[in-house]
Amino acid sequence: PKDLATASGDPVGLLVLRFVGSQDIAATCRAALDWLSTGGRRFVFCVDDDRGRGPKGPFASLERLVSSHVEGIRLGRYGRDSVQECADLIMACCNATALRCVYAKLTGLGARLEPRAPVLRWRAMRFHQCRLQPPDAAELFARAEALESADFYGEALAGLGEELRARPYARAREGLRSLELTDCGLVSGDVATLLQLRGASLETLRIQASRLRGLRVPRMPKLRRLALVDCGLTRADAVQVLAQCPGLEELELCGNAFGDDCGSDDEEDSLSELERRWPHLPALKRADLRACGLGAEHEDNLRNSLVGQPDMQLLVSVETSPALRHIVFDDSSDEE
């Protein structure tokens, strides 16, 4: 009876596991384990190498899993013995919709994905300090055609744009809604190329600690939240970027030295003129331009230029109160 197919075509045991929601039931008795297995392989929805939390595991062996039903993969500091084993797991679990890798050593992962491997169905991927290189990230973006969310933190990805352009199968696709790139050392050409391929449907874009001077981006009509923090932008760069994002509701440009761009003897007149060039953003609800070399005296000009919502919150100068001397920029590095 356990092998009886359901209306969806899945074995009954798989539906039992989904209903119970935990693999722990398999440890209660041999009969339960038998129901949650087929052909000696276990049904597992999430392959979690982090669960063992130690160099000795336990880790789910690929040979003991029904890989076609795996929905999520988590790779960590301890787990598979090699990058090749990680690549084999990813290719075998090609129906997984989420990939999360934190502190895993994945240098060279892209080259180990088989050229004729099936299209990866990830809707979300996260890589935090996994020693990825630009070819690895380019291969992942090119393969994940259904991607909706991507989060990279602490990966050295300078040169990503060139790697993407070198892959003819890295085509422009819609569907990506959220993109975060923190402390990845990107340059403007990397970001421009990535956004040309995957930026049309973006709703949230956050980049922090990169070198984006001279950045130009394609039109992003669906973008609602934009953060370019500590990216070396000039005011002209920011103006050009914002002009391509007419639907912005939240804006964060902290740490870009706009106040150093003037080069005029009459600094106040130069600042005012440049501020008037900023595009109108009628949907804007919050704008944070602290630590940009601007002061409270520029707030009215900026507010009039951006023309946001009537109750728009505009932050320009850092308060002089000792309790407010330091700005803490948010990131997703500690989120699950």
C-alpha atoms as a PDB file:
ATOM      1  CA  PRO A   1       0.000   0.000   0.000  1.00  0.00           C
ATOM      2  CA  LYS A   2       2.839   2.415   0.704  1.00  0.00           C
ATOM      3  CA  ASP A   3       3.801   2.375  -2.986  1.00  0.00           C
ATOM      4  CA  LEU A   4       0.275   3.233  -4.067  1.00  0.00           C
ATOM      5  CA  ALA A   5       0.288   6.347  -6.217  1.00  0.00           C
ATOM      6  CA  THR A   6      -1.936   9.293  -5.368  1.00  0.00           C
ATOM      7  CA  ALA A   7      -3.810  11.657  -7.651  1.00  0.00           C
ATOM      8  CA  SER A   8      -0.684  13.828  -7.837  1.00  0.00           C
ATOM      9  CA  GLY A   9       1.433  10.819  -8.834  1.00  0.00           C
ATOM     10  CA  ASP A  10       3.458  10.916  -5.595  1.00  0.00           C
ATOM     11  CA  PRO A  11       3.772   7.820  -3.377  1.00  0.00           C
ATOM     12  CA  VAL A  12       1.573   7.739  -0.281  1.00  0.00           C
ATOM     13  CA  GLY A  13       4.648   7.718   1.949  1.00  0.00           C
ATOM     14  CA  LEU A  14       5.753  11.066   0.522  1.00  0.00           C
ATOM     15  CA  LEU A  15       2.397  12.625   1.380  1.00  0.00           C
ATOM     16  CA  VAL A  16       2.578  11.147   4.883  1.00  0.00           C
ATOM     17  CA  LEU A  17       5.963  12.820   5.390  1.00  0.00           C
ATOM     18  CA  ARG A  18       4.614  16.125   4.126  1.00  0.00           C
ATOM     19  CA  PHE A  19       1.651  15.860   6.496  1.00  0.00           C
ATOM     20  CA  VAL A  20       3.761  14.962   9.540  1.00  0.00           C
ATOM     21  CA  GLY A  21       6.372  17.566   8.647  1.00  0.00           C
ATOM     22  CA  SER A  22       9.341  15.833  10.252  1.00  0.00           C
ATOM     23  CA  GLN A  23      11.751  12.996   9.545  1.00  0.00           C
ATOM     24  CA  ASP A  24      11.697  12.080  13.243  1.00  0.00           C
ATOM     25  CA  ILE A  25       8.785   9.735  12.696  1.00  0.00           C
ATOM     26  CA  ALA A  26      11.119   7.440  10.751  1.00  0.00           C
ATOM     27  CA  ALA A  27      13.031   6.734  13.967  1.00  0.00           C
ATOM     28  CA  THR A  28       9.998   5.420  15.830  1.00  0.00           C
ATOM     29  CA  CYS A  29       9.895   1.982  14.228  1.00  0.00           C
ATOM     30  CA  ARG A  30      10.978   0.013  11.186  1.00  0.00           C
ATOM     31  CA  ALA A  31       7.476   0.159   9.711  1.00  0.00           C
ATOM     32  CA  ALA A  32       7.516   3.960   9.780  1.00  0.00           C
ATOM     33  CA  LEU A  33      10.945   4.009   8.154  1.00  0.00           C
ATOM     34  CA  ASP A  34       9.651   1.643   5.473  1.00  0.00           C
ATOM     35  CA  TRP A  35       6.725   3.969   4.731  1.00  0.00           C
ATOM     36  CA  LEU A  36       9.078   6.929   4.291  1.00  0.00           C
ATOM     37  CA  SER A  37      11.352   5.070   1.890  1.00  0.00           C
ATOM     38  CA  THR A  38      11.223   3.543  -1.544  1.00  0.00           C
ATOM     39  CA  GLY A  39      13.732   1.118  -3.001  1.00  0.00           C
ATOM     40  CA  GLY A  40      15.915   1.568   0.086  1.00  0.00           C
ATOM     41  CA  ARG A  41      16.082   5.357  -0.358  1.00  0.00           C
ATOM     42  CA  ARG A  42      14.591   7.891   2.026  1.00  0.00           C
ATOM     43  CA  PHE A  43      12.186  10.682   1.154  1.00  0.00           C
ATOM     44  CA  VAL A  44      13.840  13.919   2.301  1.00  0.00           C
ATOM     45  CA  PHE A  45      12.513  17.406   1.626  1.00  0.00           C
ATOM     46  CA  CYS A  46      15.608  19.287   2.840  1.00  0.00           C
ATOM     47  CA  VAL A  47      19.196  18.067   2.661  1.00  0.00           C
ATOM     48  CA  ASP A  48      20.767  19.943   5.574  1.00  0.00           C
ATOM     49  CA  ASP A  49      24.513  19.510   6.063  1.00  0.00           C
ATOM     50  CA  ASP A  50      24.398  22.077   8.856  1.00  0.00           C
ATOM     51  CA  ARG A  51      22.172  19.884  10.991  1.00  0.00           C
ATOM     52  CA  GLY A  52      25.076  17.767  12.235  1.00  0.00           C
ATOM     53  CA  ARG A  53      27.017  20.869  13.345  1.00  0.00           C
ATOM     54  CA  GLY A  54      30.356  19.091  13.425  1.00  0.00           C
ATOM     55  CA  PRO A  55      33.054  17.604  11.204  1.00  0.00           C
ATOM     56  CA  LYS A  56      31.681  14.072  11.727  1.00  0.00           C
ATOM     57  CA  GLY A  57      28.165  14.739  10.541  1.00  0.00           C
ATOM     58  CA  PRO A  58      25.738  13.054  10.277  1.00  0.00           C
ATOM     59  CA  PHE A  59      25.180  13.937   6.640  1.00  0.00           C
ATOM     60  CA  ALA A  60      22.603  12.575   4.234  1.00  0.00           C
ATOM     61  CA  SER A  61      24.365  10.413   1.675  1.00  0.00           C
ATOM     62  CA  LEU A  62      23.204  11.079  -1.865  1.00  0.00           C
ATOM     63  CA  GLU A  63      22.941   7.343  -2.514  1.00  0.00           C
ATOM     64  CA  ARG A  64      20.341   7.034   0.267  1.00  0.00           C
ATOM     65  CA  LEU A  65      18.029   9.832  -0.880  1.00  0.00           C
ATOM     66  CA  VAL A  66      15.187  10.072  -3.351  1.00  0.00           C
ATOM     67  CA  SER A  67      16.821  13.118  -4.904  1.00  0.00           C
ATOM     68  CA  SER A  68      13.915  13.971  -7.221  1.00  0.00           C
ATOM     69  CA  HIS A  69      11.775  15.010  -4.218  1.00  0.00           C
ATOM     70  CA  VAL A  70      14.354  17.193  -2.431  1.00  0.00           C
ATOM     71  CA  GLU A  71      13.006  20.752  -2.153  1.00  0.00           C
ATOM     72  CA  GLY A  72      15.838  22.502  -0.326  1.00  0.00           C
ATOM     73  CA  ILE A  73      19.623  22.166   0.048  1.00  0.00           C
ATOM     74  CA  ARG A  74      21.724  23.606   2.870  1.00  0.00           C
ATOM     75  CA  LEU A  75      25.503  23.428   2.721  1.00  0.00           C
ATOM     76  CA  GLY A  76      27.737  24.626   5.534  1.00  0.00           C
ATOM     77  CA  ARG A  77      31.193  24.629   7.060  1.00  0.00           C
ATOM     78  CA  TYR A  78      31.028  20.898   7.694  1.00  0.00           C
ATOM     79  CA  GLY A  79      29.454  18.538   5.212  1.00  0.00           C
ATOM     80  CA  ARG A  80      30.476  17.047   1.904  1.00  0.00           C
ATOM     81  CA  ASP A  81      34.137  16.151   1.603  1.00  0.00           C
ATOM     82  CA  SER A  82      34.720  18.046  -1.637  1.00  0.00           C
ATOM     83  CA  VAL A  83      33.317  20.658  -3.999  1.00  0.00           C
ATOM     84  CA  GLN A  84      32.620  17.861  -6.471  1.00  0.00           C
ATOM     85  CA  GLU A  85      30.345  16.127  -3.962  1.00  0.00           C
ATOM     86  CA  CYS A  86      28.460  19.400  -3.486  1.00  0.00           C
ATOM     87  CA  ALA A  87      28.102  19.784  -7.246  1.00  0.00           C
ATOM     88  CA  ASP A  88      26.864  16.194  -7.572  1.00  0.00           C
ATOM     89  CA  LEU A  89      24.256  16.858  -4.893  1.00  0.00           C
ATOM     90  CA  ILE A  90      23.074  20.045  -6.588  1.00  0.00           C
ATOM     91  CA  MET A  91      22.745  18.367  -9.975  1.00  0.00           C
ATOM     92  CA  ALA A  92      21.004  15.293  -8.567  1.00  0.00           C
ATOM     93  CA  CYS A  93      18.480  17.427  -6.653  1.00  0.00           C
ATOM     94  CA  CYS A  94      17.566  19.441  -9.732  1.00  0.00           C
ATOM     95  CA  ASN A  95      13.970  19.960  -8.540  1.00  0.00           C
ATOM     96  CA  ALA A  96      15.047  21.786  -5.382  1.00  0.00           C
ATOM     97  CA  THR A  97      13.689  25.322  -5.164  1.00  0.00           C
ATOM     98  CA  ALA A  98      16.033  26.713  -2.481  1.00  0.00           C
ATOM     99  CA  LEU A  99      19.816  26.588  -2.027  1.00  0.00           C
ATOM    100  CA  ARG A 100      21.463  28.013   1.098  1.00  0.00           C
ATOM    101  CA  CYS A 101      25.248  27.873   1.558  1.00  0.00           C
ATOM    102  CA  VAL A 102      26.970  29.476   4.555  1.00  0.00           C
ATOM    103  CA  TYR A 103      30.715  29.120   5.236  1.00  0.00           C
ATOM    104  CA  ALA A 104      30.962  26.257   2.754  1.00  0.00           C
ATOM    105  CA  LYS A 105      34.156  25.974   0.677  1.00  0.00           C
ATOM    106  CA  LEU A 106      32.779  26.089  -2.859  1.00  0.00           C
ATOM    107  CA  THR A 107      35.598  27.519  -4.980  1.00  0.00           C
ATOM    108  CA  GLY A 108      35.292  26.039  -8.456  1.00  0.00           C
ATOM    109  CA  LEU A 109      31.660  24.957  -8.050  1.00  0.00           C
ATOM    110  CA  GLY A 110      30.608  26.400 -11.413  1.00  0.00           C
ATOM    111  CA  ALA A 111      33.165  24.389 -13.383  1.00  0.00           C
ATOM    112  CA  ARG A 112      31.995  21.171 -11.719  1.00  0.00           C
ATOM    113  CA  LEU A 113      28.393  21.505 -12.836  1.00  0.00           C
ATOM    114  CA  GLU A 114      28.013  19.210 -15.839  1.00  0.00           C
ATOM    115  CA  PRO A 115      27.571  21.060 -19.154  1.00  0.00           C
ATOM    116  CA  ARG A 116      24.453  19.051 -19.947  1.00  0.00           C
ATOM    117  CA  ALA A 117      23.034  19.109 -16.451  1.00  0.00           C
ATOM    118  CA  PRO A 118      19.306  19.830 -16.198  1.00  0.00           C
ATOM    119  CA  VAL A 119      18.097  23.373 -15.668  1.00  0.00           C
ATOM    120  CA  LEU A 120      18.182  24.234 -11.977  1.00  0.00           C
ATOM    121  CA  ARG A 121      14.798  25.224 -10.576  1.00  0.00           C
ATOM    122  CA  TRP A 122      15.931  27.333  -7.646  1.00  0.00           C
ATOM    123  CA  ARG A 123      13.668  30.188  -6.724  1.00  0.00           C
ATOM    124  CA  ALA A 124      16.059  31.330  -3.982  1.00  0.00           C
ATOM    125  CA  MET A 125      19.820  31.025  -3.533  1.00  0.00           C
ATOM    126  CA  ARG A 126      22.058  32.364  -0.770  1.00  0.00           C
ATOM    127  CA  PHE A 127      25.846  32.213  -0.538  1.00  0.00           C
ATOM    128  CA  HIS A 128      27.553  33.706   2.508  1.00  0.00           C
ATOM    129  CA  GLN A 129      31.353  33.561   2.660  1.00  0.00           C
ATOM    130  CA  CYS A 130      31.682  30.400   0.578  1.00  0.00           C
ATOM    131  CA  ARG A 131      34.828  31.468  -1.315  1.00  0.00           C
ATOM    132  CA  LEU A 132      32.981  31.676  -4.617  1.00  0.00           C
ATOM    133  CA  GLN A 133      34.749  33.214  -7.595  1.00  0.00           C
ATOM    134  CA  PRO A 134      33.225  35.134 -10.523  1.00  0.00           C
ATOM    135  CA  PRO A 135      32.953  32.055 -12.822  1.00  0.00           C
ATOM    136  CA  ASP A 136      31.064  30.210 -10.089  1.00  0.00           C
ATOM    137  CA  ALA A 137      28.521  32.979  -9.552  1.00  0.00           C
ATOM    138  CA  ALA A 138      28.099  33.507 -13.308  1.00  0.00           C
ATOM    139  CA  GLU A 139      27.346  29.807 -13.813  1.00  0.00           C
ATOM    140  CA  LEU A 140      24.813  29.820 -10.993  1.00  0.00           C
ATOM    141  CA  PHE A 141      22.983  32.874 -12.348  1.00  0.00           C
ATOM    142  CA  ALA A 142      23.004  31.404 -15.858  1.00  0.00           C
ATOM    143  CA  ARG A 143      21.616  28.022 -14.762  1.00  0.00           C
ATOM    144  CA  ALA A 144      18.928  29.235 -12.325  1.00  0.00           C
ATOM    145  CA  GLU A 145      16.295  30.302 -14.842  1.00  0.00           C
ATOM    146  CA  ALA A 146      13.400  30.495 -12.342  1.00  0.00           C
ATOM    147  CA  LEU A 147      15.336  32.547  -9.784  1.00  0.00           C
ATOM    148  CA  GLU A 148      13.303  34.971  -7.643  1.00  0.00           C
ATOM    149  CA  SER A 149      15.743  35.836  -4.843  1.00  0.00           C
ATOM    150  CA  ALA A 150      19.568  35.935  -4.732  1.00  0.00           C
ATOM    151  CA  ASP A 151      21.759  36.896  -1.768  1.00  0.00           C
ATOM    152  CA  PHE A 152      25.579  36.961  -1.860  1.00  0.00           C
ATOM    153  CA  TYR A 153      27.654  38.087   1.124  1.00  0.00           C
ATOM    154  CA  GLY A 154      31.425  38.218   1.427  1.00  0.00           C
ATOM    155  CA  GLU A 155      32.150  36.635  -1.956  1.00  0.00           C
ATOM    156  CA  ALA A 156      34.931  38.063  -4.190  1.00  0.00           C
ATOM    157  CA  LEU A 157      32.940  38.620  -7.388  1.00  0.00           C
ATOM    158  CA  ALA A 158      34.839  41.356  -9.229  1.00  0.00           C
ATOM    159  CA  GLY A 159      34.728  40.312 -12.882  1.00  0.00           C
ATOM    160  CA  LEU A 160      31.232  38.796 -12.723  1.00  0.00           C
ATOM    161  CA  GLY A 161      30.059  40.906 -15.655  1.00  0.00           C
ATOM    162  CA  GLU A 162      32.757  39.604 -17.979  1.00  0.00           C
ATOM    163  CA  GLU A 163      32.008  36.014 -16.957  1.00  0.00           C
ATOM    164  CA  LEU A 164      28.306  36.470 -17.668  1.00  0.00           C
ATOM    165  CA  ARG A 165      28.991  37.957 -21.082  1.00  0.00           C
ATOM    166  CA  ALA A 166      31.207  34.954 -21.898  1.00  0.00           C
ATOM    167  CA  ARG A 167      28.248  32.593 -21.451  1.00  0.00           C
ATOM    168  CA  PRO A 168      25.848  32.694 -24.423  1.00  0.00           C
ATOM    169  CA  TYR A 169      23.272  30.732 -22.413  1.00  0.00           C
ATOM    170  CA  ALA A 170      23.172  33.513 -19.775  1.00  0.00           C
ATOM    171  CA  ARG A 171      20.162  35.166 -21.382  1.00  0.00           C
ATOM    172  CA  ALA A 172      17.966  38.001 -20.182  1.00  0.00           C
ATOM    173  CA  ARG A 173      15.121  36.659 -18.032  1.00  0.00           C
ATOM    174  CA  GLU A 174      12.428  38.101 -15.835  1.00  0.00           C
ATOM    175  CA  GLY A 175      11.367  36.701 -12.487  1.00  0.00           C
ATOM    176  CA  LEU A 176      14.161  37.877 -10.161  1.00  0.00           C
ATOM    177  CA  ARG A 177      12.499  40.054  -7.514  1.00  0.00           C
ATOM    178  CA  SER A 178      15.182  40.486  -4.842  1.00  0.00           C
ATOM    179  CA  LEU A 179      18.957  40.841  -5.225  1.00  0.00           C
ATOM    180  CA  GLU A 180      21.457  41.497  -2.398  1.00  0.00           C
ATOM    181  CA  LEU A 181      25.216  41.776  -2.959  1.00  0.00           C
ATOM    182  CA  THR A 182      27.094  42.678   0.220  1.00  0.00           C
ATOM    183  CA  ASP A 183      30.856  43.063   0.482  1.00  0.00           C
ATOM    184  CA  CYS A 184      31.456  41.372  -2.882  1.00  0.00           C
ATOM    185  CA  GLY A 185      33.952  43.870  -4.347  1.00  0.00           C
ATOM    186  CA  LEU A 186      31.921  44.437  -7.511  1.00  0.00           C
ATOM    187  CA  VAL A 187      32.662  47.164 -10.041  1.00  0.00           C
ATOM    188  CA  SER A 188      30.142  49.131 -12.075  1.00  0.00           C
ATOM    189  CA  GLY A 189      30.429  46.921 -15.174  1.00  0.00           C
ATOM    190  CA  ASP A 190      29.594  43.803 -13.142  1.00  0.00           C
ATOM    191  CA  VAL A 191      26.394  45.300 -11.778  1.00  0.00           C
ATOM    192  CA  ALA A 192      25.358  46.827 -15.107  1.00  0.00           C
ATOM    193  CA  THR A 193      25.679  43.477 -16.911  1.00  0.00           C
ATOM    194  CA  LEU A 194      23.830  41.562 -14.204  1.00  0.00           C
ATOM    195  CA  LEU A 195      20.976  44.063 -14.196  1.00  0.00           C
ATOM    196  CA  GLN A 196      20.722  44.002 -17.975  1.00  0.00           C
ATOM    197  CA  LEU A 197      20.137  40.253 -17.745  1.00  0.00           C
ATOM    198  CA  ARG A 198      18.023  39.970 -14.594  1.00  0.00           C
ATOM    199  CA  GLY A 199      16.975  43.463 -13.525  1.00  0.00           C
ATOM    200  CA  ALA A 200      13.713  44.012 -15.407  1.00  0.00           C
ATOM    201  CA  SER A 201      11.526  42.441 -12.705  1.00  0.00           C
ATOM    202  CA  LEU A 202      13.514  43.498  -9.626  1.00  0.00           C
ATOM    203  CA  GLU A 203      11.565  44.924  -6.697  1.00  0.00           C
ATOM    204  CA  THR A 204      14.437  45.066  -4.188  1.00  0.00           C
ATOM    205  CA  LEU A 205      18.114  45.774  -4.925  1.00  0.00           C
ATOM    206  CA  ARG A 206      20.740  46.145  -2.214  1.00  0.00           C
ATOM    207  CA  ILE A 207      24.482  46.501  -2.850  1.00  0.00           C
ATOM    208  CA  GLN A 208      26.974  47.384  -0.137  1.00  0.00           C
ATOM    209  CA  ALA A 209      30.732  47.871  -0.087  1.00  0.00           C
ATOM    210  CA  SER A 210      31.512  47.776  -3.818  1.00  0.00           C
ATOM    211  CA  ARG A 211      33.249  50.142  -6.244  1.00  0.00           C
ATOM    212  CA  LEU A 212      30.455  51.421  -8.475  1.00  0.00           C
ATOM    213  CA  ARG A 213      31.755  54.790  -9.637  1.00  0.00           C
ATOM    214  CA  GLY A 214      30.400  55.442 -13.117  1.00  0.00           C
ATOM    215  CA  LEU A 215      27.462  53.051 -12.656  1.00  0.00           C
ATOM    216  CA  ARG A 216      24.746  53.131 -15.318  1.00  0.00           C
ATOM    217  CA  VAL A 217      21.762  50.799 -15.146  1.00  0.00           C
ATOM    218  CA  PRO A 218      18.892  49.779 -17.446  1.00  0.00           C
ATOM    219  CA  ARG A 219      15.293  50.796 -16.844  1.00  0.00           C
ATOM    220  CA  MET A 220      13.863  49.082 -13.736  1.00  0.00           C
ATOM    221  CA  PRO A 221      10.200  50.106 -13.574  1.00  0.00           C
ATOM    222  CA  LYS A 222       9.252  47.579 -10.862  1.00  0.00           C
ATOM    223  CA  LEU A 223      11.995  48.510  -8.398  1.00  0.00           C
ATOM    224  CA  ARG A 224      10.551  49.652  -5.054  1.00  0.00           C
ATOM    225  CA  ARG A 225      13.518  49.427  -2.663  1.00  0.00           C
ATOM    226  CA  LEU A 226      17.037  50.493  -3.603  1.00  0.00           C
ATOM    227  CA  ALA A 227      20.131  50.564  -1.373  1.00  0.00           C
ATOM    228  CA  LEU A 228      23.574  51.426  -2.741  1.00  0.00           C
ATOM    229  CA  VAL A 229      25.585  51.809   0.441  1.00  0.00           C
ATOM    230  CA  ASP A 230      29.277  52.708   0.591  1.00  0.00           C
ATOM    231  CA  CYS A 231      29.710  52.135  -3.148  1.00  0.00           C
ATOM    232  CA  GLY A 232      31.836  55.139  -4.155  1.00  0.00           C
ATOM    233  CA  LEU A 233      29.064  56.727  -6.213  1.00  0.00           C
ATOM    234  CA  THR A 234      29.233  60.320  -7.361  1.00  0.00           C
ATOM    235  CA  ARG A 235      26.143  62.479  -7.318  1.00  0.00           C
ATOM    236  CA  ALA A 236      25.976  62.213 -11.114  1.00  0.00           C
ATOM    237  CA  ASP A 237      25.973  58.415 -10.795  1.00  0.00           C
ATOM    238  CA  ALA A 238      23.132  58.526  -8.293  1.00  0.00           C
ATOM    239  CA  VAL A 239      21.100  60.871 -10.499  1.00  0.00           C
ATOM    240  CA  GLN A 240      21.495  58.567 -13.493  1.00  0.00           C
ATOM    241  CA  VAL A 241      20.527  55.465 -11.483  1.00  0.00           C
ATOM    242  CA  LEU A 242      17.452  57.045  -9.889  1.00  0.00           C
ATOM    243  CA  ALA A 243      16.220  58.259 -13.263  1.00  0.00           C
ATOM    244  CA  GLN A 244      15.830  54.580 -14.242  1.00  0.00           C
ATOM    245  CA  CYS A 245      13.781  53.719 -11.124  1.00  0.00           C
ATOM    246  CA  PRO A 246      10.610  55.846 -11.292  1.00  0.00           C
ATOM    247  CA  GLY A 247       8.605  53.702  -8.852  1.00  0.00           C
ATOM    248  CA  LEU A 248      10.998  53.824  -5.895  1.00  0.00           C
ATOM    249  CA  GLU A 249       9.437  53.847  -2.425  1.00  0.00           C
ATOM    250  CA  GLU A 250      12.555  53.381  -0.267  1.00  0.00           C
ATOM    251  CA  LEU A 251      16.031  54.727  -1.026  1.00  0.00           C
ATOM    252  CA  GLU A 252      19.324  54.322   0.846  1.00  0.00           C
ATOM    253  CA  LEU A 253      22.543  55.923  -0.417  1.00  0.00           C
ATOM    254  CA  CYS A 254      24.561  56.179   2.804  1.00  0.00           C
ATOM    255  CA  GLY A 255      28.331  56.396   2.611  1.00  0.00           C
ATOM    256  CA  ASN A 256      28.656  57.885  -0.900  1.00  0.00           C
ATOM    257  CA  ALA A 257      30.569  61.173  -0.781  1.00  0.00           C
ATOM    258  CA  PHE A 258      28.238  63.370  -2.836  1.00  0.00           C
ATOM    259  CA  GLY A 259      29.401  66.475  -1.002  1.00  0.00           C
ATOM    260  CA  ASP A 260      32.934  66.039  -2.412  1.00  0.00           C
ATOM    261  CA  ASP A 261      31.813  66.266  -6.057  1.00  0.00           C
ATOM    262  CA  CYS A 262      31.365  69.993  -6.328  1.00  0.00           C
ATOM    263  CA  GLY A 263      34.703  71.379  -7.408  1.00  0.00           C
ATOM    264  CA  SER A 264      33.257  74.911  -7.363  1.00  0.00           C
ATOM    265  CA  ASP A 265      34.462  77.955  -5.477  1.00  0.00           C
ATOM    266  CA  ASP A 266      30.896  78.617  -4.442  1.00  0.00           C
ATOM    267  CA  GLU A 267      30.097  75.221  -2.935  1.00  0.00           C
ATOM    268  CA  GLU A 268      26.614  76.123  -1.816  1.00  0.00           C
ATOM    269  CA  ASP A 269      25.507  77.225  -5.291  1.00  0.00           C
ATOM    270  CA  SER A 270      27.022  74.101  -6.865  1.00  0.00           C
ATOM    271  CA  LEU A 271      25.273  71.796  -4.412  1.00  0.00           C
ATOM    272  CA  SER A 272      21.901  73.426  -4.978  1.00  0.00           C
ATOM    273  CA  GLU A 273      22.223  73.207  -8.751  1.00  0.00           C
ATOM    274  CA  LEU A 274      23.160  69.543  -8.687  1.00  0.00           C
ATOM    275  CA  GLU A 275      20.400  68.710  -6.238  1.00  0.00           C
ATOM    276  CA  ARG A 276      17.784  70.201  -8.563  1.00  0.00           C
ATOM    277  CA  ARG A 277      18.833  67.696 -11.203  1.00  0.00           C
ATOM    278  CA  TRP A 278      17.686  64.741  -9.117  1.00  0.00           C
ATOM    279  CA  PRO A 279      14.667  63.084 -10.738  1.00  0.00           C
ATOM    280  CA  HIS A 280      11.186  63.257  -9.304  1.00  0.00           C
ATOM    281  CA  LEU A 281      10.235  60.110  -7.382  1.00  0.00           C
ATOM    282  CA  PRO A 282       6.567  60.644  -6.529  1.00  0.00           C
ATOM    283  CA  ALA A 283       6.149  57.290  -4.724  1.00  0.00           C
ATOM    284  CA  LEU A 284       9.162  57.795  -2.441  1.00  0.00           C
ATOM    285  CA  LYS A 285       8.375  57.263   1.259  1.00  0.00           C
ATOM    286  CA  ARG A 286      11.861  57.177   2.772  1.00  0.00           C
ATOM    287  CA  ALA A 287      15.262  58.430   1.640  1.00  0.00           C
ATOM    288  CA  ASP A 288      18.451  57.978   3.661  1.00  0.00           C
ATOM    289  CA  LEU A 289      21.456  60.013   2.472  1.00  0.00           C
ATOM    290  CA  ARG A 290      23.446  60.164   5.693  1.00  0.00           C
ATOM    291  CA  ALA A 291      27.241  60.173   5.577  1.00  0.00           C
ATOM    292  CA  CYS A 292      27.146  61.545   2.032  1.00  0.00           C
ATOM    293  CA  GLY A 293      28.837  64.878   2.764  1.00  0.00           C
ATOM    294  CA  LEU A 294      25.491  66.710   2.800  1.00  0.00           C
ATOM    295  CA  GLY A 295      24.111  68.743   5.660  1.00  0.00           C
ATOM    296  CA  ALA A 296      20.770  69.750   7.096  1.00  0.00           C
ATOM    297  CA  GLU A 297      20.900  72.931   4.985  1.00  0.00           C
ATOM    298  CA  HIS A 298      20.393  70.823   1.856  1.00  0.00           C
ATOM    299  CA  GLU A 299      17.304  69.026   3.099  1.00  0.00           C
ATOM    300  CA  ASP A 300      14.740  71.428   1.611  1.00  0.00           C
ATOM    301  CA  ASN A 301      16.376  71.365  -1.810  1.00  0.00           C
ATOM    302  CA  LEU A 302      16.496  67.587  -1.820  1.00  0.00           C
ATOM    303  CA  ARG A 303      12.908  67.272  -0.660  1.00  0.00           C
ATOM    304  CA  ASN A 304      11.730  69.641  -3.372  1.00  0.00           C
ATOM    305  CA  SER A 305      13.755  67.812  -6.024  1.00  0.00           C
ATOM    306  CA  LEU A 306      12.682  64.280  -5.157  1.00  0.00           C
ATOM    307  CA  VAL A 307       9.014  65.272  -4.711  1.00  0.00           C
ATOM    308  CA  GLY A 308       8.168  62.144  -2.745  1.00  0.00           C
ATOM    309  CA  GLN A 309       5.085  61.375  -0.684  1.00  0.00           C
ATOM    310  CA  PRO A 310       3.788  64.220   1.542  1.00  0.00           C
ATOM    311  CA  ASP A 311       5.009  62.408   4.660  1.00  0.00           C
ATOM    312  CA  MET A 312       8.313  61.284   3.130  1.00  0.00           C
ATOM    313  CA  GLN A 313      11.067  60.666   5.687  1.00  0.00           C
ATOM    314  CA  LEU A 314      14.320  62.276   4.534  1.00  0.00           C
ATOM    315  CA  LEU A 315      17.562  61.654   6.448  1.00  0.00           C
ATOM    316  CA  VAL A 316      20.522  63.775   5.367  1.00  0.00           C
ATOM    317  CA  SER A 317      22.827  64.722   8.248  1.00  0.00           C
ATOM    318  CA  VAL A 318      24.210  62.592  11.059  1.00  0.00           C
ATOM    319  CA  GLU A 319      23.072  63.870  14.431  1.00  0.00           C
ATOM    320  CA  THR A 320      25.820  65.265  16.648  1.00  0.00           C
ATOM    321  CA  SER A 321      24.442  63.544  19.744  1.00  0.00           C
ATOM    322  CA  PRO A 322      27.061  61.106  21.121  1.00  0.00           C
ATOM    323  CA  ALA A 323      24.479  58.323  21.002  1.00  0.00           C
ATOM    324  CA  LEU A 324      23.951  58.866  17.265  1.00  0.00           C
ATOM    325  CA  ARG A 325      27.468  59.334  15.947  1.00  0.00           C
ATOM    326  CA  HIS A 326      27.647  55.911  14.345  1.00  0.00           C
ATOM    327  CA  ILE A 327      25.417  54.676  11.547  1.00  0.00           C
ATOM    328  CA  VAL A 328      24.769  50.942  11.435  1.00  0.00           C
ATOM    329  CA  PHE A 329      23.925  49.740   7.938  1.00  0.00           C
ATOM    330  CA  ASP A 330      21.588  46.771   7.813  1.00  0.00           C
ATOM    331  CA  ASP A 331      22.494  43.570   6.007  1.00  0.00           C
ATOM    332  CA  SER A 332      21.158  40.034   5.820  1.00  0.00           C
ATOM    333  CA  SER A 333      24.297  38.225   6.963  1.00  0.00           C
ATOM    334  CA  ASP A 334      22.727  36.858  10.166  1.00  0.00           C
ATOM    335  CA  GLU A 335      19.276  36.089   8.807  1.00  0.00           C
ATOM    336  CA  GLU A 336      18.167  32.507   8.356  1.00  0.00           C
END
